[in-house]
C-alpha cells in the first residue's frame, strides 16, 4: 500500500464521578517502588521515556506478575503509559481492574482525571481503554507515504530550518 493513515488518540478517564472499585478477582494490585519493578524493567529506562516523576502499579496472580502500568505524575494530570498485560490474561479484564485501583488512589490524592494514549490502529488497546471508562478526547492523524511517516519527517525539516535561521523559533 503506498498510502495509509496512522495516528494516535488521547484518552481521558474522569476521576470525579467514579464508582467505588469492586474487589479484584483473585488479583493483588499494589504500587511498587523503583527497586521492585516487574518483568526486569529498569528504572533508568523508564526515566528516559517519562517526562515527569512516575509511579508503577502491578497486578499479581498466583505470586506472578501479570500486569504493570506506569503513571507519570504530570502537573496537568496523571498520564498512564507503558502498560503491559500477560498475553494469556488479556481477555480477563485485568487492565480495567488495575485502572480502577489507580483511579481510586489518584482520586483520593485529589486528581480529577487520568490520561492515556494509544495508536489509532491498536483496536485491542482502544477497546480495553473504553471498557475501563476512558473516552477519546483528541485524535491525531499521521499520513504515511510508501512506508515513510510524514509527521516525523516534517518535524525534522522544521527543526533543521529553524537551526539554519530560515524559520522563526
C-alpha atoms as a PDB file:
ATOM      1  CA  UNK A   1       0.000   0.000   0.000  1.00  0.00           C
ATOM      2  CA  UNK A   2       1.551   3.311  -0.997  1.00  0.00           C
ATOM      3  CA  UNK A   3      -0.559   5.435   1.384  1.00  0.00           C
ATOM      4  CA  UNK A   4      -2.144   4.837   4.763  1.00  0.00           C
ATOM      5  CA  UNK A   5      -3.349   6.970   7.631  1.00  0.00           C
ATOM      6  CA  UNK A   6      -1.877   6.213  11.059  1.00  0.00           C
ATOM      7  CA  UNK A   7      -2.158   8.316  14.159  1.00  0.00           C
ATOM      8  CA  UNK A   8      -2.916   8.341  17.826  1.00  0.00           C
ATOM      9  CA  UNK A   9      -5.737   9.116  20.178  1.00  0.00           C
ATOM     10  CA  UNK A  10      -5.612  10.747  23.581  1.00  0.00           C
ATOM     11  CA  UNK A  11      -7.974   9.233  26.118  1.00  0.00           C
ATOM     12  CA  UNK A  12      -9.259  10.608  29.420  1.00  0.00           C
ATOM     13  CA  UNK A  13     -10.799   8.966  32.466  1.00  0.00           C
ATOM     14  CA  UNK A  14     -12.858  11.297  34.667  1.00  0.00           C
ATOM     15  CA  UNK A  15     -11.948  10.553  38.293  1.00  0.00           C
ATOM     16  CA  UNK A  16     -14.584  12.818  39.821  1.00  0.00           C
ATOM     17  CA  UNK A  17     -17.568  10.511  39.222  1.00  0.00           C
ATOM     18  CA  UNK A  18     -16.022   7.069  39.627  1.00  0.00           C
ATOM     19  CA  UNK A  19     -17.989   4.282  41.285  1.00  0.00           C
ATOM     20  CA  UNK A  20     -16.342   2.570  44.246  1.00  0.00           C
ATOM     21  CA  UNK A  21     -13.856  -0.007  42.968  1.00  0.00           C
ATOM     22  CA  UNK A  22     -15.010  -3.607  43.100  1.00  0.00           C
ATOM     23  CA  UNK A  23     -12.645  -6.070  44.744  1.00  0.00           C
ATOM     24  CA  UNK A  24     -10.376  -7.657  42.128  1.00  0.00           C
ATOM     25  CA  UNK A  25     -11.000 -11.287  41.316  1.00  0.00           C
ATOM     26  CA  UNK A  26      -8.028 -13.297  42.588  1.00  0.00           C
ATOM     27  CA  UNK A  27      -5.666 -10.381  41.936  1.00  0.00           C
ATOM     28  CA  UNK A  28      -3.429  -8.439  44.226  1.00  0.00           C
ATOM     29  CA  UNK A  29      -2.972  -4.916  42.900  1.00  0.00           C
ATOM     30  CA  UNK A  30      -0.374  -2.686  44.501  1.00  0.00           C
ATOM     31  CA  UNK A  31       2.035   0.127  43.864  1.00  0.00           C
ATOM     32  CA  UNK A  32       5.694  -0.872  43.727  1.00  0.00           C
ATOM     33  CA  UNK A  33       8.836   1.208  44.135  1.00  0.00           C
ATOM     34  CA  UNK A  34      11.848   1.564  41.882  1.00  0.00           C
ATOM     35  CA  UNK A  35      13.619  -1.447  43.378  1.00  0.00           C
ATOM     36  CA  UNK A  36      10.638  -3.769  42.886  1.00  0.00           C
ATOM     37  CA  UNK A  37       9.891  -3.187  39.198  1.00  0.00           C
ATOM     38  CA  UNK A  38       8.313  -6.206  37.472  1.00  0.00           C
ATOM     39  CA  UNK A  39       9.456  -8.159  34.453  1.00  0.00           C
ATOM     40  CA  UNK A  40      13.012  -6.877  34.525  1.00  0.00           C
ATOM     41  CA  UNK A  41      12.018  -3.240  33.971  1.00  0.00           C
ATOM     42  CA  UNK A  42      14.913  -0.893  34.655  1.00  0.00           C
ATOM     43  CA  UNK A  43      14.115   2.378  36.412  1.00  0.00           C
ATOM     44  CA  UNK A  44      16.593   4.304  34.269  1.00  0.00           C
ATOM     45  CA  UNK A  45      14.867   3.099  31.091  1.00  0.00           C
ATOM     46  CA  UNK A  46      11.529   4.329  32.412  1.00  0.00           C
ATOM     47  CA  UNK A  47      13.158   7.609  33.455  1.00  0.00           C
ATOM     48  CA  UNK A  48      14.285   8.150  29.849  1.00  0.00           C
ATOM     49  CA  UNK A  49      10.776   7.700  28.465  1.00  0.00           C
ATOM     50  CA  UNK A  50       8.929   9.618  31.183  1.00  0.00           C
ATOM     51  CA  UNK A  51       8.714  13.399  31.176  1.00  0.00           C
ATOM     52  CA  UNK A  52       7.670  13.620  34.828  1.00  0.00           C
ATOM     53  CA  UNK A  53       8.110  11.602  38.030  1.00  0.00           C
ATOM     54  CA  UNK A  54       6.405   8.243  37.726  1.00  0.00           C
ATOM     55  CA  UNK A  55       4.753   5.504  39.757  1.00  0.00           C
ATOM     56  CA  UNK A  56       4.301   1.822  38.951  1.00  0.00           C
ATOM     57  CA  UNK A  57       1.238  -0.309  39.706  1.00  0.00           C
ATOM     58  CA  UNK A  58       1.249  -4.079  39.301  1.00  0.00           C
ATOM     59  CA  UNK A  59      -1.231  -6.914  39.407  1.00  0.00           C
ATOM     60  CA  UNK A  60      -0.132 -10.247  40.802  1.00  0.00           C
ATOM     61  CA  UNK A  61      -1.974 -13.554  40.486  1.00  0.00           C
ATOM     62  CA  UNK A  62      -0.646 -16.772  41.989  1.00  0.00           C
ATOM     63  CA  UNK A  63       2.553 -14.942  43.028  1.00  0.00           C
ATOM     64  CA  UNK A  64       3.279 -13.990  39.395  1.00  0.00           C
ATOM     65  CA  UNK A  65       3.287 -10.507  37.848  1.00  0.00           C
ATOM     66  CA  UNK A  66       0.578 -10.468  35.185  1.00  0.00           C
ATOM     67  CA  UNK A  67       0.245  -6.736  34.598  1.00  0.00           C
ATOM     68  CA  UNK A  68       2.098  -3.489  35.105  1.00  0.00           C
ATOM     69  CA  UNK A  69       1.178   0.108  34.372  1.00  0.00           C
ATOM     70  CA  UNK A  70       3.231   3.241  34.847  1.00  0.00           C
ATOM     71  CA  UNK A  71       1.713   6.615  35.666  1.00  0.00           C
ATOM     72  CA  UNK A  72       3.569   9.858  35.016  1.00  0.00           C
ATOM     73  CA  UNK A  73       2.644  12.394  37.658  1.00  0.00           C
ATOM     74  CA  UNK A  74       2.433  15.331  35.241  1.00  0.00           C
ATOM     75  CA  UNK A  75       1.479  18.716  36.714  1.00  0.00           C
ATOM     76  CA  UNK A  76      -1.611  18.999  34.460  1.00  0.00           C
ATOM     77  CA  UNK A  77      -2.916  15.487  35.165  1.00  0.00           C
ATOM     78  CA  UNK A  78      -1.513  11.970  35.628  1.00  0.00           C
ATOM     79  CA  UNK A  79      -0.748  10.057  32.416  1.00  0.00           C
ATOM     80  CA  UNK A  80      -0.898   6.258  32.067  1.00  0.00           C
ATOM     81  CA  UNK A  81       1.928   4.759  29.955  1.00  0.00           C
ATOM     82  CA  UNK A  82       3.935   1.569  29.331  1.00  0.00           C
ATOM     83  CA  UNK A  83       1.041  -0.746  30.167  1.00  0.00           C
ATOM     84  CA  UNK A  84       1.573  -4.491  29.817  1.00  0.00           C
ATOM     85  CA  UNK A  85      -0.741  -7.426  30.482  1.00  0.00           C
ATOM     86  CA  UNK A  86       0.474 -11.002  30.148  1.00  0.00           C
ATOM     87  CA  UNK A  87      -0.926 -12.328  26.837  1.00  0.00           C
ATOM     88  CA  UNK A  88      -2.763 -15.247  28.444  1.00  0.00           C
ATOM     89  CA  UNK A  89      -4.618 -12.816  30.767  1.00  0.00           C
ATOM     90  CA  UNK A  90      -5.664 -10.132  28.252  1.00  0.00           C
ATOM     91  CA  UNK A  91      -9.311 -11.144  27.907  1.00  0.00           C
ATOM     92  CA  UNK A  92      -9.960 -11.225  31.662  1.00  0.00           C
ATOM     93  CA  UNK A  93     -10.439  -7.526  32.417  1.00  0.00           C
ATOM     94  CA  UNK A  94      -7.128  -7.168  34.277  1.00  0.00           C
ATOM     95  CA  UNK A  95      -6.484  -3.762  32.702  1.00  0.00           C
ATOM     96  CA  UNK A  96      -9.879  -2.466  33.885  1.00  0.00           C
ATOM     97  CA  UNK A  97      -9.292  -3.736  37.414  1.00  0.00           C
ATOM     98  CA  UNK A  98      -5.860  -2.114  37.624  1.00  0.00           C
ATOM     99  CA  UNK A  99      -7.257   1.141  36.216  1.00  0.00           C
ATOM    100  CA  UNK A 100      -9.993   1.066  38.884  1.00  0.00           C
ATOM    101  CA  UNK A 101      -7.315   0.729  41.553  1.00  0.00           C
ATOM    102  CA  UNK A 102      -5.166   3.511  40.074  1.00  0.00           C
ATOM    103  CA  UNK A 103      -8.234   5.761  39.724  1.00  0.00           C
ATOM    104  CA  UNK A 104      -9.167   5.226  43.374  1.00  0.00           C
ATOM    105  CA  UNK A 105      -5.609   6.002  44.556  1.00  0.00           C
ATOM    106  CA  UNK A 106      -5.287   9.116  42.390  1.00  0.00           C
ATOM    107  CA  UNK A 107      -8.786  10.407  43.232  1.00  0.00           C
ATOM    108  CA  UNK A 108      -8.012  10.017  46.956  1.00  0.00           C
ATOM    109  CA  UNK A 109      -4.925  12.179  46.339  1.00  0.00           C
ATOM    110  CA  UNK A 110      -7.010  14.879  44.646  1.00  0.00           C
ATOM    111  CA  UNK A 111      -6.527  14.115  40.937  1.00  0.00           C
ATOM    112  CA  UNK A 112      -9.585  14.726  38.787  1.00  0.00           C
ATOM    113  CA  UNK A 113      -8.547  12.944  35.563  1.00  0.00           C
ATOM    114  CA  UNK A 114      -6.230  10.245  34.263  1.00  0.00           C
ATOM    115  CA  UNK A 115      -4.994  10.459  30.664  1.00  0.00           C
ATOM    116  CA  UNK A 116      -3.613   7.815  28.333  1.00  0.00           C
ATOM    117  CA  UNK A 117      -2.921   7.386  24.626  1.00  0.00           C
ATOM    118  CA  UNK A 118      -2.988   4.656  22.026  1.00  0.00           C
ATOM    119  CA  UNK A 119      -2.371   4.168  18.351  1.00  0.00           C
ATOM    120  CA  UNK A 120      -5.498   4.570  16.242  1.00  0.00           C
ATOM    121  CA  UNK A 121      -4.871   1.176  14.655  1.00  0.00           C
ATOM    122  CA  UNK A 122      -4.483  -0.618  18.023  1.00  0.00           C
ATOM    123  CA  UNK A 123      -8.118  -1.623  18.371  1.00  0.00           C
ATOM    124  CA  UNK A 124      -7.457  -4.032  21.267  1.00  0.00           C
ATOM    125  CA  UNK A 125      -5.972  -1.204  23.329  1.00  0.00           C
ATOM    126  CA  UNK A 126      -8.798   1.168  22.434  1.00  0.00           C
ATOM    127  CA  UNK A 127     -11.411  -1.432  23.435  1.00  0.00           C
ATOM    128  CA  UNK A 128      -9.647  -2.056  26.762  1.00  0.00           C
ATOM    129  CA  UNK A 129      -9.483   1.688  27.476  1.00  0.00           C
ATOM    130  CA  UNK A 130     -13.175   2.131  26.671  1.00  0.00           C
ATOM    131  CA  UNK A 131     -14.141  -0.820  28.901  1.00  0.00           C
ATOM    132  CA  UNK A 132     -12.175   0.830  31.713  1.00  0.00           C
ATOM    133  CA  UNK A 133     -14.175   4.059  31.264  1.00  0.00           C
ATOM    134  CA  UNK A 134     -11.801   6.177  29.175  1.00  0.00           C
ATOM    135  CA  UNK A 135     -13.206   8.423  26.443  1.00  0.00           C
ATOM    136  CA  UNK A 136     -11.362   9.761  23.398  1.00  0.00           C
ATOM    137  CA  UNK A 137     -10.648  13.472  23.786  1.00  0.00           C
ATOM    138  CA  UNK A 138      -8.256  14.051  20.861  1.00  0.00           C
ATOM    139  CA  UNK A 139      -7.369  12.362  17.584  1.00  0.00           C
ATOM    140  CA  UNK A 140      -4.158  12.896  15.646  1.00  0.00           C
ATOM    141  CA  UNK A 141      -3.778  11.711  12.063  1.00  0.00           C
ATOM    142  CA  UNK A 142      -0.381  10.858  10.594  1.00  0.00           C
ATOM    143  CA  UNK A 143      -0.112  10.216   6.845  1.00  0.00           C
ATOM    144  CA  UNK A 144       2.367   7.524   5.781  1.00  0.00           C
ATOM    145  CA  UNK A 145       3.549   7.501   2.159  1.00  0.00           C
ATOM    146  CA  UNK A 146       5.488   4.499   0.836  1.00  0.00           C
ATOM    147  CA  UNK A 147       6.125   3.373   4.412  1.00  0.00           C
ATOM    148  CA  UNK A 148       7.561   6.754   5.484  1.00  0.00           C
ATOM    149  CA  UNK A 149       5.639   8.580   8.245  1.00  0.00           C
ATOM    150  CA  UNK A 150       5.363  12.235   7.220  1.00  0.00           C
ATOM    151  CA  UNK A 151       4.909  13.805  10.700  1.00  0.00           C
ATOM    152  CA  UNK A 152       8.441  12.976  11.987  1.00  0.00           C
ATOM    153  CA  UNK A 153       9.902  13.942   8.610  1.00  0.00           C
ATOM    154  CA  UNK A 154       8.117  17.314   8.723  1.00  0.00           C
ATOM    155  CA  UNK A 155       9.266  17.827  12.332  1.00  0.00           C
ATOM    156  CA  UNK A 156      12.901  17.203  11.329  1.00  0.00           C
ATOM    157  CA  UNK A 157      12.620  19.589   8.383  1.00  0.00           C
ATOM    158  CA  UNK A 158      11.148  22.334  10.572  1.00  0.00           C
ATOM    159  CA  UNK A 159      13.813  21.817  13.257  1.00  0.00           C
ATOM    160  CA  UNK A 160      16.573  21.987  10.617  1.00  0.00           C
ATOM    161  CA  UNK A 161      15.090  25.108   9.031  1.00  0.00           C
ATOM    162  CA  UNK A 162      14.890  26.795  12.440  1.00  0.00           C
ATOM    163  CA  UNK A 163      18.503  25.843  13.217  1.00  0.00           C
ATOM    164  CA  UNK A 164      19.569  27.408   9.914  1.00  0.00           C
ATOM    165  CA  UNK A 165      17.603  30.575  10.703  1.00  0.00           C
ATOM    166  CA  UNK A 166      15.140  30.029   7.829  1.00  0.00           C
ATOM    167  CA  UNK A 167      12.121  29.810  10.154  1.00  0.00           C
ATOM    168  CA  UNK A 168      11.362  31.815  13.308  1.00  0.00           C
ATOM    169  CA  UNK A 169      11.633  29.927  16.594  1.00  0.00           C
END
